[in-house]
Amino acid sequence: MRRPKVVSQIRHAKPRFKVRLGVRLTPKMYAGLIQSIQDGDSELVEKQSNRVSIFAMEINDQKVRVVYDKNTKAIVTVLY
């Protein structure tokens, strides 16, 4: 049975946060980041397609970019 796309995206993002930022991405933190994007509190850096955009935000006093999929409403990965 195939996993839904959103599950795969979250499973990809969690280790990227740990490796790239040294941050353990908790469900509460993840929900807060999604809310920040949806509320317009994060800066849109680039729209890559109709569904994927890159947003700038601060996480633990670090300015980072996250890749967000608006169709699944999921953060796909974090960039430096």
PDB file of N, CA and C in Angstrom:
ATOM      1  N   MET A   1       0.841  -1.181   0.000  1.00  0.00           N
ATOM      2  CA  MET A   1       0.000   0.000   0.000  1.00  0.00           C
ATOM      3  C   MET A   1       0.888   1.247   0.000  1.00  0.00           C
ATOM      4  N   ARG A   2       0.557   2.180  -0.870  1.00  0.00           N
ATOM      5  CA  ARG A   2       1.333   3.420  -0.970  1.00  0.00           C
ATOM      6  C   ARG A   2       0.991   4.380   0.146  1.00  0.00           C
ATOM      7  N   ARG A   3       2.014   5.048   0.627  1.00  0.00           N
ATOM      8  CA  ARG A   3       1.788   6.095   1.624  1.00  0.00           C
ATOM      9  C   ARG A   3       1.266   7.339   0.936  1.00  0.00           C
ATOM     10  N   PRO A   4       0.397   8.060   1.601  1.00  0.00           N
ATOM     11  CA  PRO A   4      -0.013   9.354   1.031  1.00  0.00           C
ATOM     12  C   PRO A   4       1.205  10.267   0.882  1.00  0.00           C
ATOM     13  N   LYS A   5       1.147  11.125  -0.096  1.00  0.00           N
ATOM     14  CA  LYS A   5       2.266  12.022  -0.396  1.00  0.00           C
ATOM     15  C   LYS A   5       2.664  12.864   0.811  1.00  0.00           C
ATOM     16  N   VAL A   6       1.697  13.360   1.559  1.00  0.00           N
ATOM     17  CA  VAL A   6       1.991  14.219   2.700  1.00  0.00           C
ATOM     18  C   VAL A   6       2.823  13.471   3.743  1.00  0.00           C
ATOM     19  N   VAL A   7       2.570  12.195   3.951  1.00  0.00           N
ATOM     20  CA  VAL A   7       3.343  11.413   4.912  1.00  0.00           C
ATOM     21  C   VAL A   7       4.798  11.325   4.451  1.00  0.00           C
ATOM     22  N   SER A   8       5.000  11.081   3.181  1.00  0.00           N
ATOM     23  CA  SER A   8       6.362  11.017   2.637  1.00  0.00           C
ATOM     24  C   SER A   8       7.069  12.359   2.765  1.00  0.00           C
ATOM     25  N   GLN A   9       6.346  13.447   2.530  1.00  0.00           N
ATOM     26  CA  GLN A   9       6.955  14.774   2.630  1.00  0.00           C
ATOM     27  C   GLN A   9       7.392  15.076   4.058  1.00  0.00           C
ATOM     28  N   ILE A  10       6.553  14.746   5.026  1.00  0.00           N
ATOM     29  CA  ILE A  10       6.895  14.989   6.430  1.00  0.00           C
ATOM     30  C   ILE A  10       8.065  14.096   6.847  1.00  0.00           C
ATOM     31  N   ARG A  11       8.049  12.847   6.414  1.00  0.00           N
ATOM     32  CA  ARG A  11       9.147  11.930   6.741  1.00  0.00           C
ATOM     33  C   ARG A  11      10.457  12.377   6.111  1.00  0.00           C
ATOM     34  N   HIS A  12      10.393  13.102   5.031  1.00  0.00           N
ATOM     35  CA  HIS A  12      11.597  13.656   4.420  1.00  0.00           C
ATOM     36  C   HIS A  12      12.066  14.891   5.192  1.00  0.00           C
ATOM     37  N   ALA A  13      11.131  15.743   5.585  1.00  0.00           N
ATOM     38  CA  ALA A  13      11.480  17.014   6.227  1.00  0.00           C
ATOM     39  C   ALA A  13      12.102  16.831   7.607  1.00  0.00           C
ATOM     40  N   LYS A  14      11.578  15.909   8.394  1.00  0.00           N
ATOM     41  CA  LYS A  14      12.053  15.751   9.774  1.00  0.00           C
ATOM     42  C   LYS A  14      13.557  15.524   9.877  1.00  0.00           C
ATOM     43  N   PRO A  15      14.126  14.570   9.144  1.00  0.00           N
ATOM     44  CA  PRO A  15      15.582  14.401   9.264  1.00  0.00           C
ATOM     45  C   PRO A  15      16.374  15.564   8.679  1.00  0.00           C
ATOM     46  N   ARG A  16      15.808  16.255   7.699  1.00  0.00           N
ATOM     47  CA  ARG A  16      16.508  17.414   7.130  1.00  0.00           C
ATOM     48  C   ARG A  16      16.642  18.526   8.163  1.00  0.00           C
ATOM     49  N   PHE A  17      15.618  18.738   8.989  1.00  0.00           N
ATOM     50  CA  PHE A  17      15.696  19.732  10.060  1.00  0.00           C
ATOM     51  C   PHE A  17      16.800  19.337  11.042  1.00  0.00           C
ATOM     52  N   LYS A  18      16.888  18.064  11.370  1.00  0.00           N
ATOM     53  CA  LYS A  18      17.894  17.588  12.325  1.00  0.00           C
ATOM     54  C   LYS A  18      19.305  17.747  11.764  1.00  0.00           C
ATOM     55  N   VAL A  19      19.508  17.317  10.526  1.00  0.00           N
ATOM     56  CA  VAL A  19      20.844  17.361   9.918  1.00  0.00           C
ATOM     57  C   VAL A  19      21.280  18.789   9.620  1.00  0.00           C
ATOM     58  N   ARG A  20      20.400  19.578   9.046  1.00  0.00           N
ATOM     59  CA  ARG A  20      20.786  20.918   8.581  1.00  0.00           C
ATOM     60  C   ARG A  20      20.731  21.991   9.654  1.00  0.00           C
ATOM     61  N   LEU A  21      19.841  21.831  10.634  1.00  0.00           N
ATOM     62  CA  LEU A  21      19.697  22.869  11.661  1.00  0.00           C
ATOM     63  C   LEU A  21      19.995  22.371  13.067  1.00  0.00           C
ATOM     64  N   GLY A  22      20.082  21.056  13.230  1.00  0.00           N
ATOM     65  CA  GLY A  22      20.254  20.505  14.572  1.00  0.00           C
ATOM     66  C   GLY A  22      18.992  20.634  15.396  1.00  0.00           C
ATOM     67  N   VAL A  23      17.842  20.672  14.721  1.00  0.00           N
ATOM     68  CA  VAL A  23      16.553  20.882  15.379  1.00  0.00           C
ATOM     69  C   VAL A  23      15.706  19.627  15.239  1.00  0.00           C
ATOM     70  N   ARG A  24      15.166  19.165  16.374  1.00  0.00           N
ATOM     71  CA  ARG A  24      14.215  18.052  16.334  1.00  0.00           C
ATOM     72  C   ARG A  24      12.840  18.651  16.046  1.00  0.00           C
ATOM     73  N   LEU A  25      12.284  18.323  14.911  1.00  0.00           N
ATOM     74  CA  LEU A  25      11.008  18.878  14.463  1.00  0.00           C
ATOM     75  C   LEU A  25       9.868  18.143  15.158  1.00  0.00           C
ATOM     76  N   THR A  26       9.274  18.793  16.154  1.00  0.00           N
ATOM     77  CA  THR A  26       8.150  18.198  16.885  1.00  0.00           C
ATOM     78  C   THR A  26       6.850  18.493  16.152  1.00  0.00           C
ATOM     79  N   PRO A  27       5.798  17.723  16.422  1.00  0.00           N
ATOM     80  CA  PRO A  27       4.498  18.015  15.798  1.00  0.00           C
ATOM     81  C   PRO A  27       4.006  19.435  16.094  1.00  0.00           C
ATOM     82  N   LYS A  28       4.231  19.914  17.312  1.00  0.00           N
ATOM     83  CA  LYS A  28       3.807  21.272  17.682  1.00  0.00           C
ATOM     84  C   LYS A  28       4.588  22.324  16.883  1.00  0.00           C
ATOM     85  N   MET A  29       5.891  22.124  16.759  1.00  0.00           N
ATOM     86  CA  MET A  29       6.722  23.051  15.997  1.00  0.00           C
ATOM     87  C   MET A  29       6.324  23.036  14.524  1.00  0.00           C
ATOM     88  N   TYR A  30       6.117  21.838  13.995  1.00  0.00           N
ATOM     89  CA  TYR A  30       5.718  21.692  12.594  1.00  0.00           C
ATOM     90  C   TYR A  30       4.401  22.423  12.332  1.00  0.00           C
ATOM     91  N   ALA A  31       3.429  22.242  13.215  1.00  0.00           N
ATOM     92  CA  ALA A  31       2.128  22.903  13.065  1.00  0.00           C
ATOM     93  C   ALA A  31       2.289  24.426  13.119  1.00  0.00           C
ATOM     94  N   GLY A  32       3.174  24.904  13.974  1.00  0.00           N
ATOM     95  CA  GLY A  32       3.428  26.345  14.068  1.00  0.00           C
ATOM     96  C   GLY A  32       4.049  26.911  12.799  1.00  0.00           C
ATOM     97  N   LEU A  33       4.956  26.170  12.201  1.00  0.00           N
ATOM     98  CA  LEU A  33       5.585  26.613  10.954  1.00  0.00           C
ATOM     99  C   LEU A  33       4.552  26.667   9.823  1.00  0.00           C
ATOM    100  N   ILE A  34       3.707  25.649   9.746  1.00  0.00           N
ATOM    101  CA  ILE A  34       2.649  25.623   8.735  1.00  0.00           C
ATOM    102  C   ILE A  34       1.703  26.800   8.942  1.00  0.00           C
ATOM    103  N   GLN A  35       1.337  27.049  10.190  1.00  0.00           N
ATOM    104  CA  GLN A  35       0.422  28.161  10.507  1.00  0.00           C
ATOM    105  C   GLN A  35       1.038  29.495  10.114  1.00  0.00           C
ATOM    106  N   SER A  36       2.323  29.655  10.352  1.00  0.00           N
ATOM    107  CA  SER A  36       3.033  30.884   9.991  1.00  0.00           C
ATOM    108  C   SER A  36       2.970  31.134   8.483  1.00  0.00           C
ATOM    109  N   ILE A  37       3.126  30.075   7.712  1.00  0.00           N
ATOM    110  CA  ILE A  37       3.062  30.193   6.250  1.00  0.00           C
ATOM    111  C   ILE A  37       1.637  30.541   5.824  1.00  0.00           C
ATOM    112  N   GLN A  38       0.663  29.819   6.364  1.00  0.00           N
ATOM    113  CA  GLN A  38      -0.728  30.009   5.958  1.00  0.00           C
ATOM    114  C   GLN A  38      -1.285  31.367   6.397  1.00  0.00           C
ATOM    115  N   ASP A  39      -0.783  31.899   7.507  1.00  0.00           N
ATOM    116  CA  ASP A  39      -1.237  33.210   7.994  1.00  0.00           C
ATOM    117  C   ASP A  39      -0.544  34.372   7.298  1.00  0.00           C
ATOM    118  N   GLY A  40       0.462  34.085   6.467  1.00  0.00           N
ATOM    119  CA  GLY A  40       1.182  35.133   5.767  1.00  0.00           C
ATOM    120  C   GLY A  40       2.272  35.782   6.603  1.00  0.00           C
ATOM    121  N   ASP A  41       2.680  35.116   7.692  1.00  0.00           N
ATOM    122  CA  ASP A  41       3.716  35.661   8.572  1.00  0.00           C
ATOM    123  C   ASP A  41       5.128  35.318   8.104  1.00  0.00           C
ATOM    124  N   SER A  42       5.247  34.496   7.079  1.00  0.00           N
ATOM    125  CA  SER A  42       6.543  34.130   6.518  1.00  0.00           C
ATOM    126  C   SER A  42       6.716  34.817   5.170  1.00  0.00           C
ATOM    127  N   GLU A  43       7.945  35.127   4.850  1.00  0.00           N
ATOM    128  CA  GLU A  43       8.257  35.837   3.601  1.00  0.00           C
ATOM    129  C   GLU A  43       8.340  34.871   2.424  1.00  0.00           C
ATOM    130  N   LEU A  44       7.544  35.126   1.397  1.00  0.00           N
ATOM    131  CA  LEU A  44       7.621  34.328   0.175  1.00  0.00           C
ATOM    132  C   LEU A  44       8.890  34.731  -0.566  1.00  0.00           C
ATOM    133  N   VAL A  45       9.768  33.760  -0.791  1.00  0.00           N
ATOM    134  CA  VAL A  45      11.033  34.003  -1.471  1.00  0.00           C
ATOM    135  C   VAL A  45      10.898  33.716  -2.959  1.00  0.00           C
ATOM    136  N   GLU A  46      10.280  32.573  -3.273  1.00  0.00           N
ATOM    137  CA  GLU A  46      10.185  32.152  -4.661  1.00  0.00           C
ATOM    138  C   GLU A  46       9.018  31.189  -4.826  1.00  0.00           C
ATOM    139  N   LYS A  47       8.285  31.374  -5.902  1.00  0.00           N
ATOM    140  CA  LYS A  47       7.234  30.434  -6.252  1.00  0.00           C
ATOM    141  C   LYS A  47       7.800  29.538  -7.346  1.00  0.00           C
ATOM    142  N   GLN A  48       7.991  28.257  -7.042  1.00  0.00           N
ATOM    143  CA  GLN A  48       8.622  27.351  -7.999  1.00  0.00           C
ATOM    144  C   GLN A  48       7.628  26.764  -8.992  1.00  0.00           C
ATOM    145  N   SER A  49       6.387  26.615  -8.561  1.00  0.00           N
ATOM    146  CA  SER A  49       5.343  26.083  -9.435  1.00  0.00           C
ATOM    147  C   SER A  49       3.992  26.493  -8.846  1.00  0.00           C
ATOM    148  N   ASN A  50       2.923  25.994  -9.403  1.00  0.00           N
ATOM    149  CA  ASN A  50       1.604  26.319  -8.864  1.00  0.00           C
ATOM    150  C   ASN A  50       1.388  25.750  -7.470  1.00  0.00           C
ATOM    151  N   ARG A  51       2.142  24.727  -7.108  1.00  0.00           N
ATOM    152  CA  ARG A  51       1.939  24.112  -5.797  1.00  0.00           C
ATOM    153  C   ARG A  51       3.111  24.263  -4.837  1.00  0.00           C
ATOM    154  N   VAL A  52       4.318  24.513  -5.325  1.00  0.00           N
ATOM    155  CA  VAL A  52       5.511  24.547  -4.470  1.00  0.00           C
ATOM    156  C   VAL A  52       6.092  25.953  -4.401  1.00  0.00           C
ATOM    157  N   SER A  53       6.306  26.417  -3.151  1.00  0.00           N
ATOM    158  CA  SER A  53       6.893  27.736  -2.914  1.00  0.00           C
ATOM    159  C   SER A  53       7.963  27.632  -1.839  1.00  0.00           C
ATOM    160  N   ILE A  54       8.879  28.599  -1.861  1.00  0.00           N
ATOM    161  CA  ILE A  54       9.922  28.676  -0.847  1.00  0.00           C
ATOM    162  C   ILE A  54       9.643  29.892   0.027  1.00  0.00           C
ATOM    163  N   PHE A  55       9.658  29.670   1.336  1.00  0.00           N
ATOM    164  CA  PHE A  55       9.405  30.730   2.303  1.00  0.00           C
ATOM    165  C   PHE A  55      10.610  30.895   3.209  1.00  0.00           C
ATOM    166  N   ALA A  56      10.883  32.153   3.592  1.00  0.00           N
ATOM    167  CA  ALA A  56      11.946  32.448   4.560  1.00  0.00           C
ATOM    168  C   ALA A  56      11.299  32.623   5.923  1.00  0.00           C
ATOM    169  N   MET A  57      11.947  32.068   6.935  1.00  0.00           N
ATOM    170  CA  MET A  57      11.454  32.229   8.299  1.00  0.00           C
ATOM    171  C   MET A  57      12.603  32.028   9.272  1.00  0.00           C
ATOM    172  N   GLU A  58      12.365  32.380  10.523  1.00  0.00           N
ATOM    173  CA  GLU A  58      13.371  32.178  11.563  1.00  0.00           C
ATOM    174  C   GLU A  58      12.999  30.973  12.389  1.00  0.00           C
ATOM    175  N   ILE A  59      13.968  30.095  12.567  1.00  0.00           N
ATOM    176  CA  ILE A  59      13.795  28.930  13.414  1.00  0.00           C
ATOM    177  C   ILE A  59      14.979  28.896  14.365  1.00  0.00           C
ATOM    178  N   ASN A  60      14.694  29.011  15.659  1.00  0.00           N
ATOM    179  CA  ASN A  60      15.752  29.044  16.682  1.00  0.00           C
ATOM    180  C   ASN A  60      16.814  30.084  16.358  1.00  0.00           C
ATOM    181  N   ASP A  61      16.377  31.278  16.041  1.00  0.00           N
ATOM    182  CA  ASP A  61      17.253  32.412  15.727  1.00  0.00           C
ATOM    183  C   ASP A  61      18.110  32.208  14.480  1.00  0.00           C
ATOM    184  N   GLN A  62      17.719  31.288  13.618  1.00  0.00           N
ATOM    185  CA  GLN A  62      18.409  31.067  12.344  1.00  0.00           C
ATOM    186  C   GLN A  62      17.450  31.416  11.216  1.00  0.00           C
ATOM    187  N   LYS A  63      17.914  32.213  10.285  1.00  0.00           N
ATOM    188  CA  LYS A  63      17.124  32.528   9.091  1.00  0.00           C
ATOM    189  C   LYS A  63      17.293  31.374   8.109  1.00  0.00           C
ATOM    190  N   VAL A  64      16.189  30.711   7.796  1.00  0.00           N
ATOM    191  CA  VAL A  64      16.226  29.556   6.893  1.00  0.00           C
ATOM    192  C   VAL A  64      15.118  29.682   5.864  1.00  0.00           C
ATOM    193  N   ARG A  65      15.196  28.828   4.861  1.00  0.00           N
ATOM    194  CA  ARG A  65      14.149  28.745   3.849  1.00  0.00           C
ATOM    195  C   ARG A  65      13.530  27.355   3.918  1.00  0.00           C
ATOM    196  N   VAL A  66      12.216  27.307   3.805  1.00  0.00           N
ATOM    197  CA  VAL A  66      11.526  26.024   3.784  1.00  0.00           C
ATOM    198  C   VAL A  66      10.761  25.898   2.477  1.00  0.00           C
ATOM    199  N   VAL A  67      10.683  24.683   1.984  1.00  0.00           N
ATOM    200  CA  VAL A  67       9.930  24.396   0.769  1.00  0.00           C
ATOM    201  C   VAL A  67       8.560  23.890   1.205  1.00  0.00           C
ATOM    202  N   TYR A  68       7.510  24.558   0.714  1.00  0.00           N
ATOM    203  CA  TYR A  68       6.133  24.283   1.136  1.00  0.00           C
ATOM    204  C   TYR A  68       5.289  23.860  -0.063  1.00  0.00           C
ATOM    205  N   ASP A  69       4.523  22.795   0.113  1.00  0.00           N
ATOM    206  CA  ASP A  69       3.609  22.295  -0.915  1.00  0.00           C
ATOM    207  C   ASP A  69       2.196  22.702  -0.520  1.00  0.00           C
ATOM    208  N   LYS A  70       1.600  23.611  -1.277  1.00  0.00           N
ATOM    209  CA  LYS A  70       0.276  24.115  -0.899  1.00  0.00           C
ATOM    210  C   LYS A  70      -0.827  23.082  -1.113  1.00  0.00           C
ATOM    211  N   ASN A  71      -0.625  22.119  -1.999  1.00  0.00           N
ATOM    212  CA  ASN A  71      -1.656  21.099  -2.212  1.00  0.00           C
ATOM    213  C   ASN A  71      -1.784  20.162  -1.014  1.00  0.00           C
ATOM    214  N   THR A  72      -0.658  19.751  -0.473  1.00  0.00           N
ATOM    215  CA  THR A  72      -0.675  18.850   0.684  1.00  0.00           C
ATOM    216  C   THR A  72      -0.612  19.615   1.993  1.00  0.00           C
ATOM    217  N   LYS A  73      -0.357  20.929   1.902  1.00  0.00           N
ATOM    218  CA  LYS A  73      -0.193  21.782   3.090  1.00  0.00           C
ATOM    219  C   LYS A  73       0.920  21.229   3.996  1.00  0.00           C
ATOM    220  N   ALA A  74       2.053  20.913   3.352  1.00  0.00           N
ATOM    221  CA  ALA A  74       3.172  20.307   4.071  1.00  0.00           C
ATOM    222  C   ALA A  74       4.476  21.005   3.736  1.00  0.00           C
ATOM    223  N   ILE A  75       5.368  21.039   4.729  1.00  0.00           N
ATOM    224  CA  ILE A  75       6.740  21.480   4.504  1.00  0.00           C
ATOM    225  C   ILE A  75       7.498  20.263   3.986  1.00  0.00           C
ATOM    226  N   VAL A  76       8.119  20.428   2.845  1.00  0.00           N
ATOM    227  CA  VAL A  76       8.798  19.324   2.181  1.00  0.00           C
ATOM    228  C   VAL A  76      10.235  19.176   2.675  1.00  0.00           C
ATOM    229  N   THR A  77      10.924  20.305   2.849  1.00  0.00           N
ATOM    230  CA  THR A  77      12.316  20.269   3.306  1.00  0.00           C
ATOM    231  C   THR A  77      12.709  21.641   3.825  1.00  0.00           C
ATOM    232  N   VAL A  78      13.875  21.710   4.423  1.00  0.00           N
ATOM    233  CA  VAL A  78      14.446  22.968   4.887  1.00  0.00           C
ATOM    234  C   VAL A  78      15.774  23.165   4.168  1.00  0.00           C
ATOM    235  N   LEU A  79      16.037  24.405   3.778  1.00  0.00           N
ATOM    236  CA  LEU A  79      17.266  24.761   3.078  1.00  0.00           C
ATOM    237  C   LEU A  79      18.078  25.689   3.971  1.00  0.00           C
ATOM    238  N   TYR A  80      19.371  25.802   3.710  1.00  0.00           N
ATOM    239  CA  TYR A  80      20.222  26.697   4.512  1.00  0.00           C
ATOM    240  C   TYR A  80      19.914  28.127   4.173  1.00  0.00           C
TER     241      TYR A  80
END
